[in-house]
Amino acid sequence: MLNLDFNAHLDRIRRFTDEELSTGEVDMVELGGGPPPLVDHQAKTDLFGITLPREWGGLG
């Protein structure tokens, strides 16, 4: 059985994907990467990844 915290994290990922990624896709294509507001939201929702460029606050 999955841990409730893990399920909550999966719910955050689903909401982020549905609400933020799908609507920001055009911006990401035009800018060649994730726009800073999207990155900020990612960090605030504990979805910040290590694959983000250093100039956006990631680990590169």
N, C-alpha and C. Protein backbone atom coordinates (compact mmCIF):
# COMPACT_ATOMS: atom_id res chain seq x y z
N MET A 1 0.84 -1.18 0.00
CA MET A 1 0.00 0.00 0.00
C MET A 1 0.89 1.24 0.00
N LEU A 2 0.48 2.24 -0.75
CA LEU A 2 1.27 3.46 -0.85
C LEU A 2 1.09 4.35 0.37
N ASN A 3 2.13 5.03 0.73
CA ASN A 3 2.10 5.99 1.81
C ASN A 3 1.20 7.16 1.43
N LEU A 4 0.42 7.68 2.38
CA LEU A 4 -0.48 8.80 2.10
C LEU A 4 0.27 10.03 1.62
N ASP A 5 1.47 10.29 2.16
CA ASP A 5 2.26 11.42 1.71
C ASP A 5 2.65 11.26 0.25
N PHE A 6 2.96 10.05 -0.15
CA PHE A 6 3.31 9.78 -1.54
C PHE A 6 2.12 10.04 -2.44
N ASN A 7 0.94 9.59 -2.01
CA ASN A 7 -0.27 9.84 -2.79
C ASN A 7 -0.56 11.33 -2.91
N ALA A 8 -0.34 12.07 -1.85
CA ALA A 8 -0.54 13.52 -1.89
C ALA A 8 0.44 14.15 -2.87
N HIS A 9 1.67 13.66 -2.87
CA HIS A 9 2.68 14.18 -3.80
C HIS A 9 2.27 13.87 -5.25
N LEU A 10 1.77 12.68 -5.49
CA LEU A 10 1.29 12.33 -6.83
C LEU A 10 0.14 13.24 -7.25
N ASP A 11 -0.74 13.57 -6.33
CA ASP A 11 -1.83 14.50 -6.63
C ASP A 11 -1.30 15.88 -7.01
N ARG A 12 -0.26 16.35 -6.29
CA ARG A 12 0.35 17.64 -6.64
C ARG A 12 0.96 17.59 -8.03
N ILE A 13 1.59 16.48 -8.37
CA ILE A 13 2.18 16.34 -9.70
C ILE A 13 1.09 16.36 -10.77
N ARG A 14 0.00 15.65 -10.53
CA ARG A 14 -1.11 15.64 -11.50
C ARG A 14 -1.69 17.03 -11.70
N ARG A 15 -1.93 17.74 -10.60
CA ARG A 15 -2.49 19.10 -10.71
C ARG A 15 -1.53 20.02 -11.43
N PHE A 16 -0.24 19.94 -11.08
CA PHE A 16 0.77 20.78 -11.73
C PHE A 16 0.81 20.51 -13.23
N THR A 17 0.77 19.25 -13.59
CA THR A 17 0.81 18.88 -15.01
C THR A 17 -0.42 19.39 -15.74
N ASP A 18 -1.59 19.16 -15.16
CA ASP A 18 -2.83 19.58 -15.80
C ASP A 18 -2.98 21.09 -15.88
N GLU A 19 -2.66 21.79 -14.78
CA GLU A 19 -2.92 23.21 -14.69
C GLU A 19 -1.79 24.09 -15.21
N GLU A 20 -0.56 23.64 -15.07
CA GLU A 20 0.58 24.48 -15.41
C GLU A 20 1.32 24.05 -16.68
N LEU A 21 1.69 22.78 -16.75
CA LEU A 21 2.49 22.33 -17.89
C LEU A 21 1.72 22.39 -19.19
N SER A 22 0.49 21.92 -19.18
CA SER A 22 -0.27 21.89 -20.44
C SER A 22 -0.54 23.30 -20.94
N THR A 23 -0.78 24.26 -20.04
CA THR A 23 -1.04 25.63 -20.49
C THR A 23 0.24 26.38 -20.82
N GLY A 24 1.38 25.95 -20.27
CA GLY A 24 2.64 26.63 -20.53
C GLY A 24 3.44 26.01 -21.66
N GLU A 25 2.89 25.01 -22.32
CA GLU A 25 3.63 24.31 -23.37
C GLU A 25 4.04 25.24 -24.50
N VAL A 26 3.15 26.10 -24.94
CA VAL A 26 3.47 27.02 -26.04
C VAL A 26 4.61 27.94 -25.64
N ASP A 27 4.57 28.48 -24.42
CA ASP A 27 5.64 29.35 -23.94
C ASP A 27 6.97 28.61 -23.91
N MET A 28 6.96 27.37 -23.46
CA MET A 28 8.20 26.60 -23.38
C MET A 28 8.80 26.37 -24.76
N VAL A 29 7.96 26.10 -25.74
CA VAL A 29 8.45 25.88 -27.10
C VAL A 29 9.03 27.18 -27.65
N GLU A 30 8.31 28.29 -27.48
CA GLU A 30 8.76 29.57 -28.01
C GLU A 30 10.03 30.07 -27.33
N LEU A 31 10.16 29.84 -26.03
CA LEU A 31 11.32 30.32 -25.29
C LEU A 31 12.47 29.33 -25.29
N GLY A 32 12.22 28.12 -25.74
CA GLY A 32 13.27 27.10 -25.74
C GLY A 32 13.49 26.50 -24.36
N GLY A 33 12.53 26.62 -23.49
CA GLY A 33 12.63 26.06 -22.14
C GLY A 33 11.49 26.55 -21.29
N GLY A 34 11.51 26.17 -20.05
CA GLY A 34 10.44 26.57 -19.13
C GLY A 34 10.53 28.04 -18.76
N PRO A 35 9.43 28.76 -18.85
CA PRO A 35 9.44 30.17 -18.47
C PRO A 35 9.64 30.31 -16.96
N PRO A 36 10.31 31.38 -16.52
CA PRO A 36 10.57 31.56 -15.09
C PRO A 36 9.35 31.43 -14.19
N PRO A 37 8.15 31.96 -14.53
CA PRO A 37 7.00 31.76 -13.63
C PRO A 37 6.67 30.28 -13.42
N LEU A 38 6.84 29.48 -14.44
CA LEU A 38 6.58 28.06 -14.32
C LEU A 38 7.60 27.41 -13.39
N VAL A 39 8.84 27.82 -13.51
CA VAL A 39 9.90 27.29 -12.65
C VAL A 39 9.65 27.69 -11.20
N ASP A 40 9.24 28.96 -10.98
CA ASP A 40 8.93 29.41 -9.62
C ASP A 40 7.82 28.56 -9.01
N HIS A 41 6.78 28.31 -9.78
CA HIS A 41 5.67 27.50 -9.28
C HIS A 41 6.13 26.08 -8.98
N GLN A 42 6.99 25.57 -9.83
CA GLN A 42 7.54 24.23 -9.62
C GLN A 42 8.26 24.15 -8.27
N ALA A 43 9.06 25.15 -7.98
CA ALA A 43 9.82 25.16 -6.73
C ALA A 43 8.89 25.27 -5.52
N LYS A 44 7.85 26.07 -5.64
CA LYS A 44 6.92 26.26 -4.52
C LYS A 44 6.08 25.03 -4.23
N THR A 45 5.92 24.16 -5.21
CA THR A 45 5.10 22.96 -5.01
C THR A 45 5.95 21.70 -4.85
N ASP A 46 7.23 21.88 -4.51
CA ASP A 46 8.15 20.76 -4.31
C ASP A 46 8.30 19.88 -5.55
N LEU A 47 8.17 20.47 -6.71
CA LEU A 47 8.33 19.72 -7.96
C LEU A 47 9.54 20.22 -8.74
N PHE A 48 10.46 20.84 -8.05
CA PHE A 48 11.64 21.40 -8.68
C PHE A 48 12.61 20.29 -9.03
N GLY A 49 13.01 20.20 -10.27
CA GLY A 49 13.86 19.11 -10.72
C GLY A 49 15.32 19.48 -10.86
N ILE A 50 16.17 18.48 -10.83
CA ILE A 50 17.61 18.72 -10.96
C ILE A 50 18.01 18.93 -12.41
N THR A 51 17.10 18.74 -13.33
CA THR A 51 17.44 18.89 -14.74
C THR A 51 17.23 20.30 -15.25
N LEU A 52 16.85 21.24 -14.38
CA LEU A 52 16.65 22.61 -14.81
C LEU A 52 18.00 23.31 -14.95
N PRO A 53 18.12 24.22 -15.92
CA PRO A 53 19.37 24.95 -16.09
C PRO A 53 19.71 25.80 -14.86
N ARG A 54 20.99 26.02 -14.64
CA ARG A 54 21.42 26.83 -13.50
C ARG A 54 20.84 28.24 -13.55
N GLU A 55 20.70 28.81 -14.74
CA GLU A 55 20.18 30.18 -14.84
C GLU A 55 18.73 30.30 -14.38
N TRP A 56 18.05 29.18 -14.25
CA TRP A 56 16.67 29.17 -13.74
C TRP A 56 16.63 28.67 -12.30
N GLY A 57 17.79 28.51 -11.68
CA GLY A 57 17.85 28.09 -10.29
C GLY A 57 17.99 26.59 -10.08
N GLY A 58 18.13 25.84 -11.18
CA GLY A 58 18.28 24.39 -11.07
C GLY A 58 19.73 24.00 -10.85
N LEU A 59 19.97 22.72 -10.85
CA LEU A 59 21.33 22.21 -10.65
C LEU A 59 22.09 22.01 -11.95
N GLY A 60 21.41 22.23 -13.05
CA GLY A 60 22.06 22.11 -14.36
C GLY A 60 21.99 20.75 -14.97
